[in-house]
Amino acid sequence: MTLMMTFSPDFLKMAKSLRSKWKRKMRAEKRKKNGPKELARLKVTLGLGVKGEISMKDVQEIATVVPVEKLKEKVADADMEGEDDTANMDMDSKRSKKTMLNEHGQYPTWMNQRHAKKLKGKRTAKKGKAKKQKGLAW
């Protein structure tokens, strides 16, 4: 027997308190109020409010303008050369995959201390150190 439940969209919203509803309402009103101002500011920033179109001469003072065809050729050439590089690229070629140690005996930076301690315990147990039996020694 399967039990099917349907959820209303209100159920999927996490916050339902009066305070959060009020905050949501006020944020929506703020967006309505500030929307036209932000749009006008964006148009002025882009230069659309003054002339209707951005002139390339103004942009050339700030950045170098390169035709699209040259960029496409450059990307295509980089893809052809990059195939060999990506095949040979490893995270760290001198790192042991079993112990995760590099040539200096260091673990990777992303590994947490608990995991490193666990691996160290496995490594020392394999070296031949026998663990003591718990209990009375008679």
C-alpha atoms as a PDB file:
ATOM      1  CA  MET A   1       0.000   0.000   0.000  1.00  0.00           C
ATOM      2  CA  THR A   2       1.463   3.303  -1.040  1.00  0.00           C
ATOM      3  CA  LEU A   3       0.724   6.596   0.593  1.00  0.00           C
ATOM      4  CA  MET A   4       0.639   9.617  -1.668  1.00  0.00           C
ATOM      5  CA  MET A   5       0.790  13.090  -0.239  1.00  0.00           C
ATOM      6  CA  THR A   6       0.341  16.344  -2.067  1.00  0.00           C
ATOM      7  CA  PHE A   7       1.916  19.514  -0.796  1.00  0.00           C
ATOM      8  CA  SER A   8       0.634  22.986  -1.364  1.00  0.00           C
ATOM      9  CA  PRO A   9       3.153  25.690  -2.332  1.00  0.00           C
ATOM     10  CA  ASP A  10       2.673  27.304   1.074  1.00  0.00           C
ATOM     11  CA  PHE A  11       3.885  24.113   2.728  1.00  0.00           C
ATOM     12  CA  LEU A  12       7.178  24.321   0.875  1.00  0.00           C
ATOM     13  CA  LYS A  13       7.962  27.763   2.300  1.00  0.00           C
ATOM     14  CA  MET A  14       9.990  27.304   5.422  1.00  0.00           C
ATOM     15  CA  ALA A  15       9.283  30.436   7.420  1.00  0.00           C
ATOM     16  CA  LYS A  16       5.666  30.909   8.464  1.00  0.00           C
ATOM     17  CA  SER A  17       5.824  33.179  11.445  1.00  0.00           C
ATOM     18  CA  LEU A  18       4.129  36.565  11.405  1.00  0.00           C
ATOM     19  CA  ARG A  19       7.472  38.308  11.601  1.00  0.00           C
ATOM     20  CA  SER A  20       8.860  36.570   8.523  1.00  0.00           C
ATOM     21  CA  LYS A  21       5.662  37.188   6.567  1.00  0.00           C
ATOM     22  CA  TRP A  22       5.862  40.886   7.440  1.00  0.00           C
ATOM     23  CA  LYS A  23       9.529  41.034   6.433  1.00  0.00           C
ATOM     24  CA  ARG A  24       8.767  39.344   3.110  1.00  0.00           C
ATOM     25  CA  LYS A  25       5.959  41.816   2.457  1.00  0.00           C
ATOM     26  CA  MET A  26       8.148  44.813   3.281  1.00  0.00           C
ATOM     27  CA  ARG A  27      10.972  43.543   1.057  1.00  0.00           C
ATOM     28  CA  ALA A  28       8.506  43.234  -1.837  1.00  0.00           C
ATOM     29  CA  GLU A  29       7.297  46.812  -1.291  1.00  0.00           C
ATOM     30  CA  LYS A  30      10.873  48.040  -1.117  1.00  0.00           C
ATOM     31  CA  ARG A  31      11.617  46.350  -4.445  1.00  0.00           C
ATOM     32  CA  LYS A  32       8.583  48.055  -6.002  1.00  0.00           C
ATOM     33  CA  LYS A  33       9.626  51.436  -4.624  1.00  0.00           C
ATOM     34  CA  ASN A  34      13.333  51.227  -5.519  1.00  0.00           C
ATOM     35  CA  GLY A  35      12.929  49.386  -8.846  1.00  0.00           C
ATOM     36  CA  PRO A  36      12.538  52.439 -11.111  1.00  0.00           C
ATOM     37  CA  LYS A  37      15.433  54.246  -9.401  1.00  0.00           C
ATOM     38  CA  GLU A  38      17.728  51.243  -9.840  1.00  0.00           C
ATOM     39  CA  LEU A  39      16.737  50.851 -13.483  1.00  0.00           C
ATOM     40  CA  ALA A  40      17.463  54.533 -14.173  1.00  0.00           C
ATOM     41  CA  ARG A  41      20.815  54.281 -12.420  1.00  0.00           C
ATOM     42  CA  LEU A  42      21.703  51.169 -14.433  1.00  0.00           C
ATOM     43  CA  LYS A  43      20.799  52.878 -17.704  1.00  0.00           C
ATOM     44  CA  VAL A  44      22.940  55.897 -16.843  1.00  0.00           C
ATOM     45  CA  THR A  45      25.818  53.619 -15.881  1.00  0.00           C
ATOM     46  CA  LEU A  46      25.612  51.756 -19.171  1.00  0.00           C
ATOM     47  CA  GLY A  47      25.195  54.958 -21.128  1.00  0.00           C
ATOM     48  CA  LEU A  48      21.782  53.997 -22.462  1.00  0.00           C
ATOM     49  CA  GLY A  49      20.020  56.914 -20.820  1.00  0.00           C
ATOM     50  CA  VAL A  50      22.049  59.581 -22.623  1.00  0.00           C
ATOM     51  CA  LYS A  51      22.643  58.367 -26.186  1.00  0.00           C
ATOM     52  CA  GLY A  52      20.701  55.155 -26.455  1.00  0.00           C
ATOM     53  CA  GLU A  53      23.790  53.098 -27.347  1.00  0.00           C
ATOM     54  CA  ILE A  54      27.270  52.614 -25.962  1.00  0.00           C
ATOM     55  CA  SER A  55      29.974  53.982 -28.235  1.00  0.00           C
ATOM     56  CA  MET A  56      33.018  51.813 -28.734  1.00  0.00           C
ATOM     57  CA  LYS A  57      35.342  54.817 -28.496  1.00  0.00           C
ATOM     58  CA  ASP A  58      34.388  55.307 -24.856  1.00  0.00           C
ATOM     59  CA  VAL A  59      34.942  51.644 -24.125  1.00  0.00           C
ATOM     60  CA  GLN A  60      38.335  51.615 -25.885  1.00  0.00           C
ATOM     61  CA  GLU A  61      39.656  54.125 -23.354  1.00  0.00           C
ATOM     62  CA  ILE A  62      38.844  51.728 -20.545  1.00  0.00           C
ATOM     63  CA  ALA A  63      39.582  48.324 -22.126  1.00  0.00           C
ATOM     64  CA  THR A  64      41.086  46.827 -25.255  1.00  0.00           C
ATOM     65  CA  VAL A  65      38.461  45.912 -27.832  1.00  0.00           C
ATOM     66  CA  VAL A  66      39.129  42.702 -29.792  1.00  0.00           C
ATOM     67  CA  PRO A  67      36.987  41.492 -32.701  1.00  0.00           C
ATOM     68  CA  VAL A  68      34.937  38.365 -32.043  1.00  0.00           C
ATOM     69  CA  GLU A  69      36.574  36.400 -34.897  1.00  0.00           C
ATOM     70  CA  LYS A  70      40.024  36.714 -33.323  1.00  0.00           C
ATOM     71  CA  LEU A  71      38.686  35.528 -29.970  1.00  0.00           C
ATOM     72  CA  LYS A  72      37.037  32.484 -31.559  1.00  0.00           C
ATOM     73  CA  GLU A  73      40.291  31.578 -33.354  1.00  0.00           C
ATOM     74  CA  LYS A  74      42.263  31.978 -30.138  1.00  0.00           C
ATOM     75  CA  VAL A  75      39.833  29.768 -28.196  1.00  0.00           C
ATOM     76  CA  ALA A  76      39.888  27.100 -30.933  1.00  0.00           C
ATOM     77  CA  ASP A  77      43.706  27.063 -30.924  1.00  0.00           C
ATOM     78  CA  ALA A  78      43.794  26.813 -27.138  1.00  0.00           C
ATOM     79  CA  ASP A  79      41.372  23.866 -27.222  1.00  0.00           C
ATOM     80  CA  MET A  80      43.533  21.980 -29.693  1.00  0.00           C
ATOM     81  CA  GLU A  81      46.693  22.539 -27.630  1.00  0.00           C
ATOM     82  CA  GLY A  82      44.952  22.051 -24.279  1.00  0.00           C
ATOM     83  CA  GLU A  83      43.872  18.480 -24.985  1.00  0.00           C
ATOM     84  CA  ASP A  84      47.376  17.145 -24.401  1.00  0.00           C
ATOM     85  CA  ASP A  85      47.841  19.188 -21.227  1.00  0.00           C
ATOM     86  CA  THR A  86      44.635  18.025 -19.571  1.00  0.00           C
ATOM     87  CA  ALA A  87      45.443  14.372 -20.197  1.00  0.00           C
ATOM     88  CA  ASN A  88      48.747  14.672 -18.313  1.00  0.00           C
ATOM     89  CA  MET A  89      47.498  16.901 -15.508  1.00  0.00           C
ATOM     90  CA  ASP A  90      47.101  15.179 -12.145  1.00  0.00           C
ATOM     91  CA  MET A  91      46.260  16.661  -8.772  1.00  0.00           C
ATOM     92  CA  ASP A  92      49.658  15.798  -7.383  1.00  0.00           C
ATOM     93  CA  SER A  93      51.831  13.295  -9.225  1.00  0.00           C
ATOM     94  CA  LYS A  94      54.037  12.586  -6.190  1.00  0.00           C
ATOM     95  CA  ARG A  95      51.170  11.727  -3.836  1.00  0.00           C
ATOM     96  CA  SER A  96      50.525   8.127  -2.849  1.00  0.00           C
ATOM     97  CA  LYS A  97      46.977   7.156  -3.731  1.00  0.00           C
ATOM     98  CA  LYS A  98      46.806   4.586  -0.938  1.00  0.00           C
ATOM     99  CA  THR A  99      48.117   6.640   1.988  1.00  0.00           C
ATOM    100  CA  MET A 100      47.329  10.103   0.516  1.00  0.00           C
ATOM    101  CA  LEU A 101      50.767  11.324   1.656  1.00  0.00           C
ATOM    102  CA  ASN A 102      53.051  13.419  -0.526  1.00  0.00           C
ATOM    103  CA  GLU A 103      56.838  13.072  -0.672  1.00  0.00           C
ATOM    104  CA  HIS A 104      57.190  15.161   2.518  1.00  0.00           C
ATOM    105  CA  GLY A 105      54.724  13.047   4.504  1.00  0.00           C
ATOM    106  CA  GLN A 106      51.982  15.675   4.429  1.00  0.00           C
ATOM    107  CA  TYR A 107      48.294  15.017   3.878  1.00  0.00           C
ATOM    108  CA  PRO A 108      46.321  17.163   1.399  1.00  0.00           C
ATOM    109  CA  THR A 109      45.047  20.495   2.676  1.00  0.00           C
ATOM    110  CA  TRP A 110      41.408  19.542   2.094  1.00  0.00           C
ATOM    111  CA  MET A 111      41.621  16.483   4.371  1.00  0.00           C
ATOM    112  CA  ASN A 112      40.349  16.961   7.919  1.00  0.00           C
ATOM    113  CA  GLN A 113      42.302  15.850  10.990  1.00  0.00           C
ATOM    114  CA  ARG A 114      39.933  13.008  11.834  1.00  0.00           C
ATOM    115  CA  HIS A 115      40.407  11.391   8.424  1.00  0.00           C
ATOM    116  CA  ALA A 116      44.191  11.842   8.588  1.00  0.00           C
ATOM    117  CA  LYS A 117      44.280  10.210  12.033  1.00  0.00           C
ATOM    118  CA  LYS A 118      42.232   7.300  10.746  1.00  0.00           C
ATOM    119  CA  LEU A 119      44.620   6.745   7.823  1.00  0.00           C
ATOM    120  CA  LYS A 120      47.609   6.997  10.132  1.00  0.00           C
ATOM    121  CA  GLY A 121      46.088   4.358  12.384  1.00  0.00           C
ATOM    122  CA  LYS A 122      45.644   1.999   9.423  1.00  0.00           C
ATOM    123  CA  ARG A 123      49.223   2.654   8.319  1.00  0.00           C
ATOM    124  CA  THR A 124      50.771   1.954  11.732  1.00  0.00           C
ATOM    125  CA  ALA A 125      48.626  -1.150  12.236  1.00  0.00           C
ATOM    126  CA  LYS A 126      49.940  -2.606   8.982  1.00  0.00           C
ATOM    127  CA  LYS A 127      53.569  -2.016   9.997  1.00  0.00           C
ATOM    128  CA  GLY A 128      53.316  -4.831  12.505  1.00  0.00           C
ATOM    129  CA  LYS A 129      52.515  -3.180  15.796  1.00  0.00           C
ATOM    130  CA  ALA A 130      50.210  -5.578  17.531  1.00  0.00           C
ATOM    131  CA  LYS A 131      47.528  -4.022  19.643  1.00  0.00           C
ATOM    132  CA  LYS A 132      47.394  -4.999  23.302  1.00  0.00           C
ATOM    133  CA  GLN A 133      44.564  -7.242  24.326  1.00  0.00           C
ATOM    134  CA  LYS A 134      42.229  -5.527  26.728  1.00  0.00           C
ATOM    135  CA  GLY A 135      41.518  -7.337  29.938  1.00  0.00           C
ATOM    136  CA  LEU A 136      43.460  -8.891  32.776  1.00  0.00           C
ATOM    137  CA  ALA A 137      47.047  -9.912  32.171  1.00  0.00           C
ATOM    138  CA  TRP A 138      47.518 -13.104  34.278  1.00  0.00           C
END
